[in-house]
């Protein structure tokens, strides 16, 4: 019930932007299949085991709840197949930074070629 309202609000706010590009964080983008206004899908990826470990470290929730949430989402292979770009989030922030910089430059180039 909320997804249509949320997507409409996102579209409204995107129209008001004056930037080379914008990254919209939509956790259930692939599940809701509302990609009609998205130029590229970026997936920040790490193995499920690492997702579980990170949530356990951050939150005090049982592993069964973490798995329930993960299992309600599209599978990792499905998400990776839908991606135009992937950031490998298995390493340190120092190792992540060059990936982000490369992607930023790629998006600047992409946006400059769009009408």
PDB file of N, CA and C in Angstrom:
ATOM      1  N   UNK A   1       0.811  -1.179   0.000  1.00  0.00           N
ATOM      2  CA  UNK A   1       0.000   0.000   0.000  1.00  0.00           C
ATOM      3  C   UNK A   1       0.871   1.267   0.000  1.00  0.00           C
ATOM      4  N   UNK A   2       1.988   1.200   0.692  1.00  0.00           N
ATOM      5  CA  UNK A   2       2.847   2.377   0.770  1.00  0.00           C
ATOM      6  C   UNK A   2       3.779   2.539  -0.429  1.00  0.00           C
ATOM      7  N   UNK A   3       4.135   1.427  -1.069  1.00  0.00           N
ATOM      8  CA  UNK A   3       5.111   1.506  -2.160  1.00  0.00           C
ATOM      9  C   UNK A   3       4.722   2.497  -3.258  1.00  0.00           C
ATOM     10  N   UNK A   4       3.487   2.500  -3.743  1.00  0.00           N
ATOM     11  CA  UNK A   4       3.149   3.492  -4.786  1.00  0.00           C
ATOM     12  C   UNK A   4       3.354   4.934  -4.320  1.00  0.00           C
ATOM     13  N   UNK A   5       3.004   5.214  -3.083  1.00  0.00           N
ATOM     14  CA  UNK A   5       3.181   6.576  -2.555  1.00  0.00           C
ATOM     15  C   UNK A   5       4.661   6.932  -2.423  1.00  0.00           C
ATOM     16  N   UNK A   6       5.435   5.981  -1.968  1.00  0.00           N
ATOM     17  CA  UNK A   6       6.872   6.212  -1.808  1.00  0.00           C
ATOM     18  C   UNK A   6       7.525   6.446  -3.165  1.00  0.00           C
ATOM     19  N   UNK A   7       7.196   5.598  -4.144  1.00  0.00           N
ATOM     20  CA  UNK A   7       7.782   5.757  -5.471  1.00  0.00           C
ATOM     21  C   UNK A   7       7.368   7.076  -6.106  1.00  0.00           C
ATOM     22  N   UNK A   8       6.133   7.494  -5.904  1.00  0.00           N
ATOM     23  CA  UNK A   8       5.694   8.787  -6.451  1.00  0.00           C
ATOM     24  C   UNK A   8       6.473   9.932  -5.817  1.00  0.00           C
ATOM     25  N   UNK A   9       6.705   9.856  -4.519  1.00  0.00           N
ATOM     26  CA  UNK A   9       7.475  10.892  -3.829  1.00  0.00           C
ATOM     27  C   UNK A   9       8.917  10.920  -4.340  1.00  0.00           C
ATOM     28  N   UNK A  10       9.511   9.752  -4.546  1.00  0.00           N
ATOM     29  CA  UNK A  10      10.874   9.692  -5.089  1.00  0.00           C
ATOM     30  C   UNK A  10      10.920  10.360  -6.460  1.00  0.00           C
ATOM     31  N   UNK A  11       9.968  10.026  -7.316  1.00  0.00           N
ATOM     32  CA  UNK A  11       9.935  10.601  -8.668  1.00  0.00           C
ATOM     33  C   UNK A  11       9.774  12.121  -8.615  1.00  0.00           C
ATOM     34  N   UNK A  12       8.939  12.598  -7.723  1.00  0.00           N
ATOM     35  CA  UNK A  12       8.734  14.039  -7.565  1.00  0.00           C
ATOM     36  C   UNK A  12      10.030  14.721  -7.143  1.00  0.00           C
ATOM     37  N   UNK A  13      10.715  14.143  -6.176  1.00  0.00           N
ATOM     38  CA  UNK A  13      11.962  14.742  -5.698  1.00  0.00           C
ATOM     39  C   UNK A  13      13.063  14.666  -6.742  1.00  0.00           C
ATOM     40  N   UNK A  14      13.091  13.596  -7.522  1.00  0.00           N
ATOM     41  CA  UNK A  14      14.110  13.479  -8.578  1.00  0.00           C
ATOM     42  C   UNK A  14      13.961  14.584  -9.619  1.00  0.00           C
ATOM     43  N   UNK A  15      12.723  14.961  -9.922  1.00  0.00           N
ATOM     44  CA  UNK A  15      12.473  16.011 -10.911  1.00  0.00           C
ATOM     45  C   UNK A  15      13.019  17.360 -10.454  1.00  0.00           C
ATOM     46  N   UNK A  16      13.172  17.552  -9.161  1.00  0.00           N
ATOM     47  CA  UNK A  16      13.628  18.831  -8.622  1.00  0.00           C
ATOM     48  C   UNK A  16      15.152  18.922  -8.516  1.00  0.00           C
ATOM     49  N   UNK A  17      15.851  17.840  -8.772  1.00  0.00           N
ATOM     50  CA  UNK A  17      17.305  17.829  -8.624  1.00  0.00           C
ATOM     51  C   UNK A  17      18.002  18.546  -9.768  1.00  0.00           C
ATOM     52  N   UNK A  18      19.120  19.135  -9.435  1.00  0.00           N
ATOM     53  CA  UNK A  18      19.978  19.746 -10.434  1.00  0.00           C
ATOM     54  C   UNK A  18      21.407  19.268 -10.164  1.00  0.00           C
ATOM     55  N   UNK A  19      21.636  17.996 -10.405  1.00  0.00           N
ATOM     56  CA  UNK A  19      22.929  17.361 -10.160  1.00  0.00           C
ATOM     57  C   UNK A  19      23.270  16.468 -11.347  1.00  0.00           C
ATOM     58  N   UNK A  20      24.537  16.135 -11.522  1.00  0.00           N
ATOM     59  CA  UNK A  20      24.891  15.249 -12.638  1.00  0.00           C
ATOM     60  C   UNK A  20      24.209  13.881 -12.539  1.00  0.00           C
ATOM     61  N   UNK A  21      24.120  13.368 -11.330  1.00  0.00           N
ATOM     62  CA  UNK A  21      23.423  12.098 -11.119  1.00  0.00           C
ATOM     63  C   UNK A  21      22.988  12.009  -9.667  1.00  0.00           C
ATOM     64  N   UNK A  22      22.146  11.037  -9.413  1.00  0.00           N
ATOM     65  CA  UNK A  22      21.621  10.830  -8.067  1.00  0.00           C
ATOM     66  C   UNK A  22      21.527   9.332  -7.814  1.00  0.00           C
ATOM     67  N   UNK A  23      21.917   8.926  -6.634  1.00  0.00           N
ATOM     68  CA  UNK A  23      21.749   7.528  -6.228  1.00  0.00           C
ATOM     69  C   UNK A  23      20.567   7.476  -5.276  1.00  0.00           C
ATOM     70  N   UNK A  24      19.596   6.651  -5.621  1.00  0.00           N
ATOM     71  CA  UNK A  24      18.411   6.483  -4.789  1.00  0.00           C
ATOM     72  C   UNK A  24      18.520   5.114  -4.126  1.00  0.00           C
ATOM     73  N   UNK A  25      18.511   5.101  -2.821  1.00  0.00           N
ATOM     74  CA  UNK A  25      18.612   3.841  -2.083  1.00  0.00           C
ATOM     75  C   UNK A  25      17.211   3.253  -1.920  1.00  0.00           C
ATOM     76  N   UNK A  26      16.968   2.152  -2.623  1.00  0.00           N
ATOM     77  CA  UNK A  26      15.658   1.501  -2.587  1.00  0.00           C
ATOM     78  C   UNK A  26      15.878   0.033  -2.243  1.00  0.00           C
ATOM     79  N   UNK A  27      15.747  -0.320  -0.968  1.00  0.00           N
ATOM     80  CA  UNK A  27      16.051  -1.690  -0.546  1.00  0.00           C
ATOM     81  C   UNK A  27      15.269  -2.779  -1.283  1.00  0.00           C
ATOM     82  N   UNK A  28      14.039  -2.538  -1.653  1.00  0.00           N
ATOM     83  CA  UNK A  28      13.225  -3.573  -2.304  1.00  0.00           C
ATOM     84  C   UNK A  28      12.958  -3.256  -3.773  1.00  0.00           C
ATOM     85  N   UNK A  29      13.885  -2.582  -4.423  1.00  0.00           N
ATOM     86  CA  UNK A  29      13.692  -2.189  -5.817  1.00  0.00           C
ATOM     87  C   UNK A  29      13.414  -3.390  -6.713  1.00  0.00           C
ATOM     88  N   UNK A  30      14.216  -4.400  -6.617  1.00  0.00           N
ATOM     89  CA  UNK A  30      14.056  -5.565  -7.493  1.00  0.00           C
ATOM     90  C   UNK A  30      12.785  -6.342  -7.132  1.00  0.00           C
ATOM     91  N   UNK A  31      12.513  -6.450  -5.858  1.00  0.00           N
ATOM     92  CA  UNK A  31      11.310  -7.171  -5.417  1.00  0.00           C
ATOM     93  C   UNK A  31      10.030  -6.489  -5.889  1.00  0.00           C
ATOM     94  N   UNK A  32      10.016  -5.154  -5.881  1.00  0.00           N
ATOM     95  CA  UNK A  32       8.802  -4.423  -6.268  1.00  0.00           C
ATOM     96  C   UNK A  32       8.726  -4.172  -7.766  1.00  0.00           C
ATOM     97  N   UNK A  33       9.821  -4.398  -8.465  1.00  0.00           N
ATOM     98  CA  UNK A  33       9.878  -4.275  -9.925  1.00  0.00           C
ATOM     99  C   UNK A  33       9.490  -2.872 -10.412  1.00  0.00           C
ATOM    100  N   UNK A  34       9.905  -1.851  -9.682  1.00  0.00           N
ATOM    101  CA  UNK A  34       9.646  -0.460 -10.071  1.00  0.00           C
ATOM    102  C   UNK A  34      10.924   0.173 -10.599  1.00  0.00           C
ATOM    103  N   UNK A  35      11.458  -0.401 -11.648  1.00  0.00           N
ATOM    104  CA  UNK A  35      12.727   0.095 -12.185  1.00  0.00           C
ATOM    105  C   UNK A  35      12.540   1.015 -13.386  1.00  0.00           C
ATOM    106  N   UNK A  36      11.299   1.364 -13.700  1.00  0.00           N
ATOM    107  CA  UNK A  36      11.007   2.149 -14.898  1.00  0.00           C
ATOM    108  C   UNK A  36      11.669   3.525 -14.907  1.00  0.00           C
ATOM    109  N   UNK A  37      11.980   4.083 -13.770  1.00  0.00           N
ATOM    110  CA  UNK A  37      12.567   5.426 -13.708  1.00  0.00           C
ATOM    111  C   UNK A  37      14.036   5.386 -13.281  1.00  0.00           C
ATOM    112  N   UNK A  38      14.603   4.205 -13.249  1.00  0.00           N
ATOM    113  CA  UNK A  38      15.988   4.010 -12.821  1.00  0.00           C
ATOM    114  C   UNK A  38      16.856   3.754 -14.052  1.00  0.00           C
ATOM    115  N   UNK A  39      17.950   4.488 -14.177  1.00  0.00           N
ATOM    116  CA  UNK A  39      18.859   4.290 -15.312  1.00  0.00           C
ATOM    117  C   UNK A  39      19.800   3.116 -15.103  1.00  0.00           C
ATOM    118  N   UNK A  40      20.263   2.947 -13.878  1.00  0.00           N
ATOM    119  CA  UNK A  40      21.198   1.868 -13.561  1.00  0.00           C
ATOM    120  C   UNK A  40      20.875   1.312 -12.178  1.00  0.00           C
ATOM    121  N   UNK A  41      21.095   0.022 -12.036  1.00  0.00           N
ATOM    122  CA  UNK A  41      20.916  -0.616 -10.729  1.00  0.00           C
ATOM    123  C   UNK A  41      22.297  -0.923 -10.172  1.00  0.00           C
ATOM    124  N   UNK A  42      22.572  -0.365  -9.002  1.00  0.00           N
ATOM    125  CA  UNK A  42      23.825  -0.589  -8.295  1.00  0.00           C
ATOM    126  C   UNK A  42      23.538  -1.508  -7.118  1.00  0.00           C
ATOM    127  N   UNK A  43      24.282  -2.588  -7.033  1.00  0.00           N
ATOM    128  CA  UNK A  43      24.148  -3.502  -5.909  1.00  0.00           C
ATOM    129  C   UNK A  43      25.427  -3.444  -5.084  1.00  0.00           C
ATOM    130  N   UNK A  44      25.260  -3.251  -3.789  1.00  0.00           N
ATOM    131  CA  UNK A  44      26.372  -3.321  -2.846  1.00  0.00           C
ATOM    132  C   UNK A  44      26.333  -4.749  -2.310  1.00  0.00           C
ATOM    133  N   UNK A  45      27.363  -5.525  -2.604  1.00  0.00           N
ATOM    134  CA  UNK A  45      27.286  -6.966  -2.390  1.00  0.00           C
ATOM    135  C   UNK A  45      28.317  -7.498  -1.400  1.00  0.00           C
ATOM    136  N   UNK A  46      27.864  -8.494  -0.649  1.00  0.00           N
ATOM    137  CA  UNK A  46      28.740  -9.333   0.156  1.00  0.00           C
ATOM    138  C   UNK A  46      28.009 -10.656   0.364  1.00  0.00           C
ATOM    139  N   UNK A  47      28.732 -11.709   0.705  1.00  0.00           N
ATOM    140  CA  UNK A  47      28.081 -13.001   0.916  1.00  0.00           C
ATOM    141  C   UNK A  47      27.073 -12.953   2.075  1.00  0.00           C
ATOM    142  N   UNK A  48      26.102 -13.830   2.007  1.00  0.00           N
ATOM    143  CA  UNK A  48      25.062 -13.893   3.045  1.00  0.00           C
ATOM    144  C   UNK A  48      25.693 -14.095   4.421  1.00  0.00           C
ATOM    145  N   UNK A  49      26.709 -14.927   4.506  1.00  0.00           N
ATOM    146  CA  UNK A  49      27.353 -15.172   5.804  1.00  0.00           C
ATOM    147  C   UNK A  49      27.913 -13.876   6.396  1.00  0.00           C
ATOM    148  N   UNK A  50      28.442 -13.022   5.541  1.00  0.00           N
ATOM    149  CA  UNK A  50      28.967 -11.740   6.007  1.00  0.00           C
ATOM    150  C   UNK A  50      27.827 -10.800   6.388  1.00  0.00           C
ATOM    151  N   UNK A  51      26.717 -10.841   5.647  1.00  0.00           N
ATOM    152  CA  UNK A  51      25.543 -10.040   6.014  1.00  0.00           C
ATOM    153  C   UNK A  51      25.090 -10.416   7.417  1.00  0.00           C
ATOM    154  N   UNK A  52      24.976 -11.709   7.661  1.00  0.00           N
ATOM    155  CA  UNK A  52      24.521 -12.199   8.967  1.00  0.00           C
ATOM    156  C   UNK A  52      25.470 -11.733  10.067  1.00  0.00           C
ATOM    157  N   UNK A  53      26.765 -11.895   9.843  1.00  0.00           N
ATOM    158  CA  UNK A  53      27.751 -11.494  10.851  1.00  0.00           C
ATOM    159  C   UNK A  53      27.670  -9.994  11.143  1.00  0.00           C
ATOM    160  N   UNK A  54      27.482  -9.192  10.112  1.00  0.00           N
ATOM    161  CA  UNK A  54      27.408  -7.741  10.302  1.00  0.00           C
ATOM    162  C   UNK A  54      26.148  -7.335  11.064  1.00  0.00           C
ATOM    163  N   UNK A  55      25.024  -7.968  10.748  1.00  0.00           N
ATOM    164  CA  UNK A  55      23.786  -7.642  11.473  1.00  0.00           C
ATOM    165  C   UNK A  55      23.911  -8.063  12.931  1.00  0.00           C
ATOM    166  N   UNK A  56      24.487  -9.237  13.175  1.00  0.00           N
ATOM    167  CA  UNK A  56      24.684  -9.695  14.557  1.00  0.00           C
ATOM    168  C   UNK A  56      25.557  -8.719  15.337  1.00  0.00           C
ATOM    169  N   UNK A  57      26.578  -8.195  14.688  1.00  0.00           N
ATOM    170  CA  UNK A  57      27.481  -7.258  15.342  1.00  0.00           C
ATOM    171  C   UNK A  57      26.778  -5.924  15.623  1.00  0.00           C
ATOM    172  N   UNK A  58      25.892  -5.519  14.722  1.00  0.00           N
ATOM    173  CA  UNK A  58      25.229  -4.219  14.824  1.00  0.00           C
ATOM    174  C   UNK A  58      23.990  -4.256  15.717  1.00  0.00           C
ATOM    175  N   UNK A  59      23.199  -5.325  15.595  1.00  0.00           N
ATOM    176  CA  UNK A  59      21.909  -5.411  16.283  1.00  0.00           C
ATOM    177  C   UNK A  59      21.875  -6.618  17.217  1.00  0.00           C
ATOM    178  N   UNK A  60      20.959  -6.555  18.143  1.00  0.00           N
ATOM    179  CA  UNK A  60      20.765  -7.706  19.028  1.00  0.00           C
ATOM    180  C   UNK A  60      19.478  -8.417  18.627  1.00  0.00           C
ATOM    181  N   UNK A  61      19.530  -9.076  17.479  1.00  0.00           N
ATOM    182  CA  UNK A  61      18.385  -9.846  17.014  1.00  0.00           C
ATOM    183  C   UNK A  61      18.840 -11.285  16.775  1.00  0.00           C
ATOM    184  N   UNK A  62      17.932 -12.215  16.964  1.00  0.00           N
ATOM    185  CA  UNK A  62      18.314 -13.616  16.755  1.00  0.00           C
ATOM    186  C   UNK A  62      18.615 -13.906  15.283  1.00  0.00           C
ATOM    187  N   UNK A  63      19.505 -14.863  15.062  1.00  0.00           N
ATOM    188  CA  UNK A  63      19.877 -15.226  13.700  1.00  0.00           C
ATOM    189  C   UNK A  63      18.660 -15.660  12.894  1.00  0.00           C
ATOM    190  N   UNK A  64      17.695 -16.297  13.530  1.00  0.00           N
ATOM    191  CA  UNK A  64      16.490 -16.732  12.816  1.00  0.00           C
ATOM    192  C   UNK A  64      15.746 -15.539  12.213  1.00  0.00           C
ATOM    193  N   UNK A  65      15.729 -14.418  12.920  1.00  0.00           N
ATOM    194  CA  UNK A  65      15.082 -13.211  12.402  1.00  0.00           C
ATOM    195  C   UNK A  65      15.875 -12.630  11.236  1.00  0.00           C
ATOM    196  N   UNK A  66      17.185 -12.645  11.352  1.00  0.00           N
ATOM    197  CA  UNK A  66      18.043 -12.155  10.270  1.00  0.00           C
ATOM    198  C   UNK A  66      17.806 -12.995   9.015  1.00  0.00           C
ATOM    199  N   UNK A  67      17.798 -14.308   9.179  1.00  0.00           N
ATOM    200  CA  UNK A  67      17.577 -15.217   8.046  1.00  0.00           C
ATOM    201  C   UNK A  67      16.190 -15.033   7.455  1.00  0.00           C
ATOM    202  N   UNK A  68      15.207 -14.779   8.286  1.00  0.00           N
ATOM    203  CA  UNK A  68      13.849 -14.553   7.801  1.00  0.00           C
ATOM    204  C   UNK A  68      13.799 -13.328   6.892  1.00  0.00           C
ATOM    205  N   UNK A  69      14.485 -12.273   7.300  1.00  0.00           N
ATOM    206  CA  UNK A  69      14.523 -11.059   6.488  1.00  0.00           C
ATOM    207  C   UNK A  69      15.257 -11.326   5.173  1.00  0.00           C
ATOM    208  N   UNK A  70      16.403 -11.973   5.255  1.00  0.00           N
ATOM    209  CA  UNK A  70      17.175 -12.274   4.045  1.00  0.00           C
ATOM    210  C   UNK A  70      16.370 -13.159   3.100  1.00  0.00           C
ATOM    211  N   UNK A  71      15.688 -14.150   3.644  1.00  0.00           N
ATOM    212  CA  UNK A  71      14.910 -15.071   2.814  1.00  0.00           C
ATOM    213  C   UNK A  71      13.666 -14.439   2.193  1.00  0.00           C
ATOM    214  N   UNK A  72      13.247 -13.292   2.713  1.00  0.00           N
ATOM    215  CA  UNK A  72      12.081 -12.604   2.142  1.00  0.00           C
ATOM    216  C   UNK A  72      12.486 -11.729   0.949  1.00  0.00           C
ATOM    217  N   UNK A  73      13.781 -11.577   0.757  1.00  0.00           N
ATOM    218  CA  UNK A  73      14.289 -10.764  -0.341  1.00  0.00           C
ATOM    219  C   UNK A  73      14.648 -11.664  -1.522  1.00  0.00           C
ATOM    220  N   UNK A  74      14.861 -11.045  -2.700  1.00  0.00           N
ATOM    221  CA  UNK A  74      15.314 -11.848  -3.833  1.00  0.00           C
ATOM    222  C   UNK A  74      16.684 -12.420  -3.489  1.00  0.00           C
ATOM    223  N   UNK A  75      17.014 -13.507  -4.128  1.00  0.00           N
ATOM    224  CA  UNK A  75      18.279 -14.172  -3.836  1.00  0.00           C
ATOM    225  C   UNK A  75      19.460 -13.325  -4.291  1.00  0.00           C
ATOM    226  N   UNK A  76      20.598 -13.606  -3.709  1.00  0.00           N
ATOM    227  CA  UNK A  76      21.823 -12.898  -4.096  1.00  0.00           C
ATOM    228  C   UNK A  76      22.104 -13.062  -5.593  1.00  0.00           C
ATOM    229  N   UNK A  77      22.022 -14.280  -6.148  1.00  0.00           N
ATOM    230  CA  UNK A  77      22.249 -14.412  -7.598  1.00  0.00           C
ATOM    231  C   UNK A  77      21.269 -13.589  -8.433  1.00  0.00           C
ATOM    232  N   UNK A  78      20.012 -13.531  -8.016  1.00  0.00           N
ATOM    233  CA  UNK A  78      19.010 -12.734  -8.732  1.00  0.00           C
ATOM    234  C   UNK A  78      19.375 -11.249  -8.677  1.00  0.00           C
ATOM    235  N   UNK A  79      19.749 -10.788  -7.491  1.00  0.00           N
ATOM    236  CA  UNK A  79      20.120  -9.380  -7.301  1.00  0.00           C
ATOM    237  C   UNK A  79      21.345  -9.040  -8.156  1.00  0.00           C
ATOM    238  N   UNK A  80      22.348  -9.916  -8.167  1.00  0.00           N
ATOM    239  CA  UNK A  80      23.557  -9.666  -8.952  1.00  0.00           C
ATOM    240  C   UNK A  80      23.260  -9.680 -10.447  1.00  0.00           C
ATOM    241  N   UNK A  81      22.353 -10.556 -10.866  1.00  0.00           N
ATOM    242  CA  UNK A  81      21.982 -10.613 -12.285  1.00  0.00           C
ATOM    243  C   UNK A  81      21.257  -9.345 -12.723  1.00  0.00           C
ATOM    244  N   UNK A  82      20.536  -8.714 -11.820  1.00  0.00           N
ATOM    245  CA  UNK A  82      19.787  -7.492 -12.141  1.00  0.00           C
ATOM    246  C   UNK A  82      20.678  -6.255 -12.133  1.00  0.00           C
ATOM    247  N   UNK A  83      21.867  -6.375 -11.571  1.00  0.00           N
ATOM    248  CA  UNK A  83      22.745  -5.219 -11.386  1.00  0.00           C
ATOM    249  C   UNK A  83      23.424  -4.779 -12.675  1.00  0.00           C
ATOM    250  N   UNK A  84      23.495  -3.464 -12.833  1.00  0.00           N
ATOM    251  CA  UNK A  84      24.329  -2.886 -13.877  1.00  0.00           C
ATOM    252  C   UNK A  84      25.742  -2.677 -13.340  1.00  0.00           C
ATOM    253  N   UNK A  85      25.818  -2.378 -12.054  1.00  0.00           N
ATOM    254  CA  UNK A  85      27.088  -2.146 -11.375  1.00  0.00           C
ATOM    255  C   UNK A  85      27.055  -2.828 -10.018  1.00  0.00           C
ATOM    256  N   UNK A  86      28.225  -3.300  -9.591  1.00  0.00           N
ATOM    257  CA  UNK A  86      28.325  -4.002  -8.308  1.00  0.00           C
ATOM    258  C   UNK A  86      29.521  -3.460  -7.553  1.00  0.00           C
ATOM    259  N   UNK A  87      29.302  -3.148  -6.293  1.00  0.00           N
ATOM    260  CA  UNK A  87      30.402  -2.800  -5.397  1.00  0.00           C
ATOM    261  C   UNK A  87      30.615  -3.989  -4.473  1.00  0.00           C
ATOM    262  N   UNK A  88      31.848  -4.468  -4.444  1.00  0.00           N
ATOM    263  CA  UNK A  88      32.227  -5.579  -3.563  1.00  0.00           C
ATOM    264  C   UNK A  88      32.454  -5.015  -2.165  1.00  0.00           C
ATOM    265  N   UNK A  89      31.540  -5.330  -1.271  1.00  0.00           N
ATOM    266  CA  UNK A  89      31.583  -4.791   0.088  1.00  0.00           C
ATOM    267  C   UNK A  89      32.078  -5.837   1.086  1.00  0.00           C
ATOM    268  N   UNK A  90      33.095  -6.591   0.682  1.00  0.00           N
ATOM    269  CA  UNK A  90      33.627  -7.629   1.562  1.00  0.00           C
ATOM    270  C   UNK A  90      34.915  -7.195   2.256  1.00  0.00           C
ATOM    271  N   UNK A  91      35.414  -6.030   1.892  1.00  0.00           N
ATOM    272  CA  UNK A  91      36.726  -5.621   2.377  1.00  0.00           C
ATOM    273  C   UNK A  91      36.621  -4.396   3.281  1.00  0.00           C
ATOM    274  N   UNK A  92      37.740  -3.767   3.513  1.00  0.00           N
ATOM    275  CA  UNK A  92      37.798  -2.598   4.389  1.00  0.00           C
ATOM    276  C   UNK A  92      37.335  -1.350   3.650  1.00  0.00           C
ATOM    277  N   UNK A  93      37.106  -0.287   4.406  1.00  0.00           N
ATOM    278  CA  UNK A  93      36.708   0.988   3.812  1.00  0.00           C
ATOM    279  C   UNK A  93      37.809   1.504   2.883  1.00  0.00           C
ATOM    280  N   UNK A  94      39.054   1.302   3.255  1.00  0.00           N
ATOM    281  CA  UNK A  94      40.158   1.745   2.398  1.00  0.00           C
ATOM    282  C   UNK A  94      40.145   1.020   1.056  1.00  0.00           C
ATOM    283  N   UNK A  95      39.741  -0.230   1.050  1.00  0.00           N
ATOM    284  CA  UNK A  95      39.658  -0.990  -0.198  1.00  0.00           C
ATOM    285  C   UNK A  95      38.376  -0.663  -0.964  1.00  0.00           C
ATOM    286  N   UNK A  96      37.379  -0.196  -0.262  1.00  0.00           N
ATOM    287  CA  UNK A  96      36.103   0.169  -0.870  1.00  0.00           C
ATOM    288  C   UNK A  96      36.188   1.500  -1.616  1.00  0.00           C
ATOM    289  N   UNK A  97      36.968   2.419  -1.094  1.00  0.00           N
ATOM    290  CA  UNK A  97      37.057   3.780  -1.645  1.00  0.00           C
ATOM    291  C   UNK A  97      37.403   3.818  -3.138  1.00  0.00           C
ATOM    292  N   UNK A  98      38.378   3.058  -3.618  1.00  0.00           N
ATOM    293  CA  UNK A  98      38.672   3.120  -5.060  1.00  0.00           C
ATOM    294  C   UNK A  98      37.511   2.633  -5.928  1.00  0.00           C
ATOM    295  N   UNK A  99      36.771   1.645  -5.444  1.00  0.00           N
ATOM    296  CA  UNK A  99      35.598   1.180  -6.192  1.00  0.00           C
ATOM    297  C   UNK A  99      34.567   2.296  -6.312  1.00  0.00           C
ATOM    298  N   UNK A 100      34.338   2.997  -5.224  1.00  0.00           N
ATOM    299  CA  UNK A 100      33.358   4.084  -5.213  1.00  0.00           C
ATOM    300  C   UNK A 100      33.815   5.218  -6.135  1.00  0.00           C
ATOM    301  N   UNK A 101      35.105   5.550  -6.079  1.00  0.00           N
ATOM    302  CA  UNK A 101      35.626   6.622  -6.936  1.00  0.00           C
ATOM    303  C   UNK A 101      35.493   6.253  -8.408  1.00  0.00           C
ATOM    304  N   UNK A 102      35.819   5.034  -8.752  1.00  0.00           N
ATOM    305  CA  UNK A 102      35.701   4.575 -10.139  1.00  0.00           C
ATOM    306  C   UNK A 102      34.244   4.639 -10.593  1.00  0.00           C
ATOM    307  N   UNK A 103      33.357   4.183  -9.743  1.00  0.00           N
ATOM    308  CA  UNK A 103      31.936   4.205 -10.080  1.00  0.00           C
ATOM    309  C   UNK A 103      31.425   5.640 -10.209  1.00  0.00           C
ATOM    310  N   UNK A 104      31.855   6.509  -9.317  1.00  0.00           N
ATOM    311  CA  UNK A 104      31.474   7.922  -9.383  1.00  0.00           C
ATOM    312  C   UNK A 104      31.874   8.514 -10.741  1.00  0.00           C
ATOM    313  N   UNK A 105      33.105   8.270 -11.143  1.00  0.00           N
ATOM    314  CA  UNK A 105      33.576   8.783 -12.439  1.00  0.00           C
ATOM    315  C   UNK A 105      32.776   8.186 -13.593  1.00  0.00           C
ATOM    316  N   UNK A 106      32.453   6.926 -13.484  1.00  0.00           N
ATOM    317  CA  UNK A 106      31.640   6.266 -14.507  1.00  0.00           C
ATOM    318  C   UNK A 106      30.254   6.894 -14.592  1.00  0.00           C
ATOM    319  N   UNK A 107      29.662   7.198 -13.448  1.00  0.00           N
ATOM    320  CA  UNK A 107      28.331   7.809 -13.434  1.00  0.00           C
ATOM    321  C   UNK A 107      28.367   9.243 -13.953  1.00  0.00           C
ATOM    322  N   UNK A 108      29.434   9.961 -13.657  1.00  0.00           N
ATOM    323  CA  UNK A 108      29.568  11.306 -14.221  1.00  0.00           C
ATOM    324  C   UNK A 108      29.637  11.243 -15.743  1.00  0.00           C
ATOM    325  N   UNK A 109      30.401  10.311 -16.254  1.00  0.00           N
ATOM    326  CA  UNK A 109      30.510  10.143 -17.699  1.00  0.00           C
ATOM    327  C   UNK A 109      29.169   9.734 -18.290  1.00  0.00           C
ATOM    328  N   UNK A 110      28.511   8.775 -17.662  1.00  0.00           N
ATOM    329  CA  UNK A 110      27.193   8.308 -18.128  1.00  0.00           C
ATOM    330  C   UNK A 110      26.192   9.456 -18.151  1.00  0.00           C
ATOM    331  N   UNK A 111      26.157  10.244 -17.081  1.00  0.00           N
ATOM    332  CA  UNK A 111      25.174  11.339 -17.002  1.00  0.00           C
ATOM    333  C   UNK A 111      25.439  12.414 -18.060  1.00  0.00           C
ATOM    334  N   UNK A 112      26.692  12.576 -18.436  1.00  0.00           N
ATOM    335  CA  UNK A 112      27.010  13.605 -19.430  1.00  0.00           C
ATOM    336  C   UNK A 112      26.578  13.188 -20.844  1.00  0.00           C
ATOM    337  N   UNK A 113      26.296  11.925 -21.033  1.00  0.00           N
ATOM    338  CA  UNK A 113      25.868  11.449 -22.355  1.00  0.00           C
ATOM    339  C   UNK A 113      24.361  11.265 -22.456  1.00  0.00           C
ATOM    340  N   UNK A 114      23.652  11.524 -21.358  1.00  0.00           N
ATOM    341  CA  UNK A 114      22.200  11.353 -21.339  1.00  0.00           C
ATOM    342  C   UNK A 114      21.500  12.642 -21.761  1.00  0.00           C
ATOM    343  N   UNK A 115      20.357  12.519 -22.449  1.00  0.00           N
ATOM    344  CA  UNK A 115      19.616  13.737 -22.864  1.00  0.00           C
ATOM    345  C   UNK A 115      19.040  14.494 -21.682  1.00  0.00           C
TER     346      UNK A 115
END
